[in-house]
Amino acid sequence: MPKDLNTTGRWLRRLTHGLAAEPQDRKALVDVLREAADRDVIDSDALTMLEGVLEVADLQVRDIMVPRAQMVFVRRDEPAARILPVVVESGHSRFPVMDEDRDDIVGILLAKDLLRLTTTQARERFDIREYMRPAVFVPESKRLNVLLREFRRNRNHMAIVVDEYGGVSGLCTIEDVIEQIVGEIDDEFDVEDDQNIRRDAEAQFTVRGVTRIEEFNQYFGAQLPEGQGVDTIAGLLLRQLGRLPRRGESARIDGFEFRVLRADRRRIDTLRVLAPHDVLPASDERPPGDGHPPGDGRPAGGTS
């Protein structure tokens, strides 16, 4: 192939310039990429994404899916008055619609479609069959790179994951796949790097998992247990549960309710904290409005 058309070859020769040989396997290629980053041929962010691209080809849907127990459903026979609170409180944009049981998914409901229900008359005439989109089903064993290609080709953002017997085992979104390549995608639940605790409402806070217990106690005037090999709020929650929780799971410690907003297979990133009224910090910026908690949150299940 002519040299000016061999784009991949030119890219690889640039990365391997100065090396004895070009990489012959995956491990050697990763070593080349890391050496290229050390020589400033590519930056650290590019290295992370390239490694993510290589890893996605090895991962299966079961490795990243939201498990069935943590999915947020709506029922096909429920009226709008029952569905709307679920949509508002979860903060997701897509919801599996089930019929009689969780193995019978009949469609996907998009939160944006419910914007038409702004009047009492519209809510009374609500028929979910007019709003449902077709559900896409994929096996647990499907490779993530294949799923991402299908998401893009079919313009789908959510897939229902089924096991070998056809039962629902979880769900996976396009955001879940992309985050395996580019890392966590920031949203309104993320806290600034220089701020470990952010007040969102009267008794509702967003707290980074790396927040030290000492800082948390000082902020709230609380007495969460310190020591015993645990220094951070994430570590305290891990010790309480005895395992790494998934998004949407919650635990109560000394009157505080901790709900996992963001987590991956290695760490807890962000928590929603509901504080007892008797330990609310007095000196803090008040939330906009009248200070009552808004109906948001991000337990696992739908997609944002």
Protein backbone atom coordinates (compact mmCIF):
# COMPACT_ATOMS: atom_id res chain seq x y z
CA MET A 1 0.00 0.00 0.00
CA PRO A 2 1.39 3.44 -0.83
CA LYS A 3 2.93 5.19 2.13
CA ASP A 4 0.61 8.21 2.00
CA LEU A 5 -2.46 5.96 2.26
CA ASN A 6 -1.24 3.77 5.09
CA THR A 7 -2.52 5.99 7.90
CA THR A 8 -2.37 3.27 10.54
CA GLY A 9 1.16 2.37 9.53
CA ARG A 10 2.32 6.00 9.80
CA TRP A 11 0.66 6.36 13.22
CA LEU A 12 2.27 3.15 14.48
CA ARG A 13 5.70 4.11 13.10
CA ARG A 14 5.44 7.45 14.89
CA LEU A 15 4.68 5.75 18.19
CA THR A 16 7.39 3.12 17.75
CA HIS A 17 10.07 5.52 16.51
CA GLY A 18 13.27 4.70 18.33
CA LEU A 19 12.15 1.21 19.38
CA ALA A 20 13.88 -1.96 18.26
CA ALA A 21 10.71 -3.56 16.84
CA GLU A 22 7.07 -2.92 16.28
CA PRO A 23 4.63 -4.56 18.76
CA GLN A 24 3.59 -8.10 17.90
CA ASP A 25 0.80 -8.60 20.46
CA ARG A 26 -1.63 -6.68 22.68
CA LYS A 27 0.71 -6.46 25.68
CA ALA A 28 3.55 -5.14 23.53
CA LEU A 29 1.21 -2.55 21.99
CA VAL A 30 0.16 -1.30 25.43
CA ASP A 31 3.83 -1.03 26.40
CA VAL A 32 4.46 1.01 23.25
CA LEU A 33 1.56 3.33 24.05
CA ARG A 34 2.81 3.91 27.58
CA GLU A 35 6.32 4.58 26.34
CA ALA A 36 4.89 7.01 23.78
CA ALA A 37 3.15 8.84 26.62
CA ASP A 38 6.43 8.97 28.54
CA ARG A 39 8.05 10.58 25.48
CA ASP A 40 5.13 13.07 25.15
CA VAL A 41 4.09 11.67 21.77
CA ILE A 42 0.59 11.34 23.22
CA ASP A 43 -0.80 12.87 26.41
CA SER A 44 -2.07 11.00 29.43
CA ASP A 45 -5.74 11.45 28.50
CA ALA A 46 -5.14 9.97 25.06
CA LEU A 47 -3.28 7.06 26.64
CA THR A 48 -6.20 6.35 28.97
CA MET A 49 -8.67 6.36 26.09
CA LEU A 50 -6.50 4.16 23.88
CA GLU A 51 -6.14 1.65 26.69
CA GLY A 52 -9.91 1.86 27.20
CA VAL A 53 -10.52 1.09 23.52
CA LEU A 54 -8.35 -2.01 23.79
CA GLU A 55 -10.06 -3.10 27.00
CA VAL A 56 -13.57 -2.68 25.60
CA ALA A 57 -12.85 -5.40 23.05
CA ASP A 58 -12.18 -7.82 25.93
CA LEU A 59 -15.13 -6.87 28.17
CA GLN A 60 -18.61 -8.36 28.00
CA VAL A 61 -21.94 -6.74 28.83
CA ARG A 62 -22.14 -8.69 32.13
CA ASP A 63 -18.98 -6.88 33.29
CA ILE A 64 -20.58 -3.42 33.36
CA MET A 65 -24.36 -3.90 33.37
CA VAL A 66 -26.64 -2.50 36.06
CA PRO A 67 -27.96 -5.67 37.77
CA ARG A 68 -31.63 -6.50 37.72
CA ALA A 69 -32.09 -5.84 41.44
CA GLN A 70 -31.02 -2.19 40.96
CA MET A 71 -33.03 -1.41 37.84
CA VAL A 72 -35.78 1.22 38.08
CA PHE A 73 -38.92 -0.02 36.34
CA VAL A 74 -42.34 1.34 35.55
CA ARG A 75 -45.37 -0.92 35.10
CA ARG A 76 -47.44 -0.97 31.94
CA ASP A 77 -50.77 -0.89 33.80
CA GLU A 78 -49.89 2.04 36.08
CA PRO A 79 -51.49 5.48 35.58
CA ALA A 80 -49.49 8.63 34.96
CA ALA A 81 -49.94 9.65 38.60
CA ARG A 82 -47.91 6.61 39.67
CA ILE A 83 -45.29 6.81 36.92
CA LEU A 84 -44.40 10.50 37.08
CA PRO A 85 -43.04 10.41 40.67
CA VAL A 86 -40.77 7.48 39.74
CA VAL A 87 -39.42 9.41 36.76
CA VAL A 88 -38.85 12.60 38.74
CA GLU A 89 -37.27 10.99 41.79
CA SER A 90 -34.90 8.70 39.88
CA GLY A 91 -33.48 11.36 37.57
CA HIS A 92 -33.09 8.90 34.69
CA SER A 93 -34.11 9.48 31.10
CA ARG A 94 -35.13 5.92 30.10
CA PHE A 95 -37.14 3.30 31.95
CA PRO A 96 -37.87 -0.34 31.19
CA VAL A 97 -41.61 -0.99 31.12
CA MET A 98 -42.59 -4.34 32.59
CA ASP A 99 -45.84 -6.23 32.37
CA GLU A 100 -46.55 -8.81 35.08
CA ASP A 101 -43.00 -9.54 36.24
CA ARG A 102 -39.45 -8.30 35.73
CA ASP A 103 -38.72 -10.90 33.08
CA ASP A 104 -41.49 -9.50 30.90
CA ILE A 105 -40.12 -6.21 29.52
CA VAL A 106 -42.51 -4.85 26.92
CA GLY A 107 -40.83 -1.56 26.00
CA ILE A 108 -38.82 1.49 27.02
CA LEU A 109 -40.33 4.73 28.30
CA LEU A 110 -38.48 8.01 27.66
CA ALA A 111 -38.84 10.67 30.30
CA LYS A 112 -38.86 13.46 27.71
CA ASP A 113 -42.01 11.99 26.14
CA LEU A 114 -43.85 12.61 29.40
CA LEU A 115 -43.43 16.37 29.02
CA ARG A 116 -46.73 16.27 27.16
CA LEU A 117 -48.48 15.38 30.42
CA THR A 118 -48.61 18.97 31.65
CA THR A 119 -52.36 19.12 32.14
CA THR A 120 -54.72 17.07 34.30
CA GLN A 121 -56.72 16.16 31.21
CA ALA A 122 -53.63 14.78 29.43
CA ARG A 123 -52.67 12.73 32.48
CA GLU A 124 -56.16 11.25 32.70
CA ARG A 125 -56.04 10.21 29.02
CA PHE A 126 -52.57 8.73 29.45
CA ASP A 127 -52.03 5.38 27.72
CA ILE A 128 -48.47 4.12 28.10
CA ARG A 129 -48.72 2.13 24.86
CA GLU A 130 -48.70 5.45 22.98
CA TYR A 131 -45.38 6.40 24.62
CA MET A 132 -43.40 3.16 24.71
CA ARG A 133 -40.41 2.58 22.44
CA PRO A 134 -39.28 -0.94 21.44
CA ALA A 135 -36.91 -2.63 23.88
CA VAL A 136 -33.59 -4.03 22.68
CA PHE A 137 -32.40 -7.30 24.23
CA VAL A 138 -28.78 -8.46 24.29
CA PRO A 139 -27.08 -11.50 25.87
CA GLU A 140 -24.76 -11.14 28.85
CA SER A 141 -21.88 -12.45 26.75
CA LYS A 142 -22.03 -9.76 24.04
CA ARG A 143 -18.74 -7.90 23.63
CA LEU A 144 -18.85 -4.20 24.48
CA ASN A 145 -17.27 -3.11 21.21
CA VAL A 146 -20.00 -4.98 19.32
CA LEU A 147 -22.72 -3.48 21.51
CA LEU A 148 -21.33 0.03 21.00
CA ARG A 149 -21.38 -0.48 17.23
CA GLU A 150 -25.01 -1.65 17.41
CA PHE A 151 -25.97 1.31 19.62
CA ARG A 152 -24.55 3.70 17.04
CA ARG A 153 -26.01 1.93 14.03
CA ASN A 154 -29.51 1.53 15.48
CA ARG A 155 -29.53 4.81 17.45
CA ASN A 156 -30.39 3.02 20.68
CA HIS A 157 -29.18 4.17 24.07
CA MET A 158 -30.30 1.30 26.30
CA ALA A 159 -30.32 -2.48 26.05
CA ILE A 160 -31.98 -5.02 28.34
CA VAL A 161 -29.52 -7.77 29.25
CA VAL A 162 -30.82 -11.35 29.36
CA ASP A 163 -29.25 -14.57 30.60
CA GLU A 164 -29.04 -17.90 28.79
CA TYR A 165 -32.57 -18.81 29.89
CA GLY A 166 -34.11 -15.58 28.60
CA GLY A 167 -34.56 -14.00 32.02
CA VAL A 168 -33.70 -10.33 32.58
CA SER A 169 -30.36 -10.01 34.37
CA GLY A 170 -29.74 -6.25 34.02
CA LEU A 171 -29.46 -3.36 31.63
CA CYS A 172 -26.66 -1.51 29.87
CA THR A 173 -26.62 1.99 28.38
CA ILE A 174 -24.46 3.63 25.78
CA GLU A 175 -23.05 5.86 28.52
CA ASP A 176 -21.91 2.79 30.45
CA VAL A 177 -19.95 1.61 27.41
CA ILE A 178 -18.46 5.00 26.55
CA GLU A 179 -17.29 5.48 30.14
CA GLN A 180 -15.16 2.36 29.77
CA ILE A 181 -13.21 4.28 27.10
CA VAL A 182 -13.17 7.90 28.22
CA GLY A 183 -13.65 7.44 31.97
CA GLU A 184 -16.44 8.83 34.12
CA ILE A 185 -18.61 11.39 32.34
CA ASP A 186 -19.28 14.36 34.59
CA ASP A 187 -22.85 15.40 35.26
CA GLU A 188 -24.77 17.51 37.74
CA PHE A 189 -24.06 15.02 40.51
CA ASP A 190 -20.29 15.54 40.35
CA VAL A 191 -18.59 17.70 42.94
CA GLU A 192 -15.83 20.14 42.02
CA ASP A 193 -12.28 18.92 42.68
CA ASP A 194 -11.74 21.50 45.41
CA GLN A 195 -15.06 20.77 47.11
CA ASN A 196 -15.68 17.45 48.82
CA ILE A 197 -19.11 18.29 50.24
CA ARG A 198 -21.79 20.27 48.42
CA ARG A 199 -25.14 21.26 49.85
CA ASP A 200 -28.00 20.63 47.42
CA ALA A 201 -31.03 21.15 49.66
CA GLU A 202 -32.02 21.62 53.30
CA ALA A 203 -30.87 18.19 54.45
CA GLN A 204 -29.44 16.81 51.20
CA PHE A 205 -25.76 16.82 50.25
CA THR A 206 -23.48 15.46 47.53
CA VAL A 207 -20.28 14.04 48.99
CA ARG A 208 -17.19 12.69 47.23
CA GLY A 209 -16.15 9.22 48.28
CA VAL A 210 -12.60 10.36 49.01
CA THR A 211 -13.81 12.81 51.66
CA ARG A 212 -11.99 12.06 54.89
CA ILE A 213 -14.16 11.05 57.82
CA GLU A 214 -12.51 13.76 59.92
CA GLU A 215 -13.55 16.42 57.38
CA PHE A 216 -17.09 15.00 57.24
CA ASN A 217 -17.41 15.03 61.04
CA GLN A 218 -16.08 18.58 61.23
CA TYR A 219 -18.47 19.82 58.54
CA PHE A 220 -21.57 18.28 60.13
CA GLY A 221 -20.49 18.27 63.75
CA ALA A 222 -20.99 14.50 63.56
CA GLN A 223 -19.19 11.60 65.20
CA LEU A 224 -18.83 8.97 62.50
CA PRO A 225 -16.28 6.34 63.61
CA GLU A 226 -12.70 6.96 62.50
CA GLY A 227 -9.68 4.64 62.48
CA GLN A 228 -9.68 0.85 62.20
CA GLY A 229 -7.98 1.11 58.83
CA VAL A 230 -10.67 3.38 57.32
CA ASP A 231 -9.99 7.05 56.55
CA THR A 232 -12.64 8.08 53.99
CA ILE A 233 -16.42 8.09 53.70
CA ALA A 234 -16.18 5.54 50.87
CA GLY A 235 -14.09 3.29 53.10
CA LEU A 236 -16.61 3.64 55.91
CA LEU A 237 -19.43 2.59 53.59
CA LEU A 238 -17.39 -0.34 52.29
CA ARG A 239 -16.81 -1.53 55.83
CA GLN A 240 -20.50 -1.13 56.65
CA LEU A 241 -21.66 -3.17 53.63
CA GLY A 242 -18.76 -5.60 53.52
CA ARG A 243 -18.44 -5.25 49.75
CA LEU A 244 -18.24 -2.71 46.93
CA PRO A 245 -21.78 -1.34 46.35
CA ARG A 246 -23.31 -0.50 43.00
CA ARG A 247 -25.10 2.69 42.00
CA GLY A 248 -28.35 3.20 43.84
CA GLU A 249 -27.49 1.13 46.91
CA SER A 250 -27.80 2.84 50.27
CA ALA A 251 -26.86 2.37 53.91
CA ARG A 252 -27.61 4.21 57.14
CA ILE A 253 -24.78 5.10 59.54
CA ASP A 254 -25.35 7.09 62.75
CA GLY A 255 -28.52 8.67 61.40
CA PHE A 256 -27.02 9.61 58.00
CA GLU A 257 -28.38 7.94 54.89
CA PHE A 258 -25.69 7.32 52.25
CA ARG A 259 -26.80 6.50 48.69
CA VAL A 260 -24.30 5.67 45.97
CA LEU A 261 -24.65 8.04 43.01
CA ARG A 262 -21.54 7.03 41.08
CA ALA A 263 -19.34 3.98 41.40
CA ASP A 264 -17.38 1.62 39.20
CA ARG A 265 -15.85 -1.80 39.74
CA ARG A 266 -13.01 -0.35 41.81
CA ARG A 267 -14.29 2.55 43.90
CA ILE A 268 -17.16 4.67 45.17
CA ASP A 269 -16.97 8.06 43.50
CA THR A 270 -19.96 10.12 44.68
CA LEU A 271 -22.61 9.77 47.38
CA ARG A 272 -25.96 11.41 48.08
CA VAL A 273 -26.17 12.06 51.82
CA LEU A 274 -29.37 12.78 53.73
CA ALA A 275 -28.46 14.28 57.09
CA PRO A 276 -30.48 14.21 60.32
CA HIS A 277 -31.98 17.62 61.05
CA ASP A 278 -30.24 17.79 64.43
CA VAL A 279 -26.77 17.78 62.84
CA LEU A 280 -27.31 20.12 59.87
CA PRO A 281 -24.43 22.58 59.44
CA ALA A 282 -25.48 26.12 60.26
CA SER A 283 -22.90 28.03 58.21
CA ASP A 284 -23.24 26.95 54.62
CA GLU A 285 -24.56 28.39 51.38
CA ARG A 286 -28.29 27.77 51.20
CA PRO A 287 -29.72 26.10 48.12
CA PRO A 288 -31.71 28.23 45.68
CA GLY A 289 -35.44 28.54 46.27
CA ASP A 290 -37.18 27.81 49.55
CA GLY A 291 -34.67 25.21 50.67
CA HIS A 292 -36.94 22.17 50.31
CA PRO A 293 -35.32 19.10 48.71
CA PRO A 294 -36.00 18.82 45.00
CA GLY A 295 -37.13 15.55 43.46
CA ASP A 296 -33.83 14.39 42.06
CA GLY A 297 -31.45 11.55 42.60
CA ARG A 298 -29.71 8.95 40.54
CA PRO A 299 -30.18 5.42 41.73
CA ALA A 300 -29.19 2.79 39.26
CA GLY A 301 -31.56 1.53 36.60
CA GLY A 302 -32.45 4.02 33.90
CA THR A 303 -29.98 6.14 32.04
CA SER A 304 -29.26 9.80 32.46
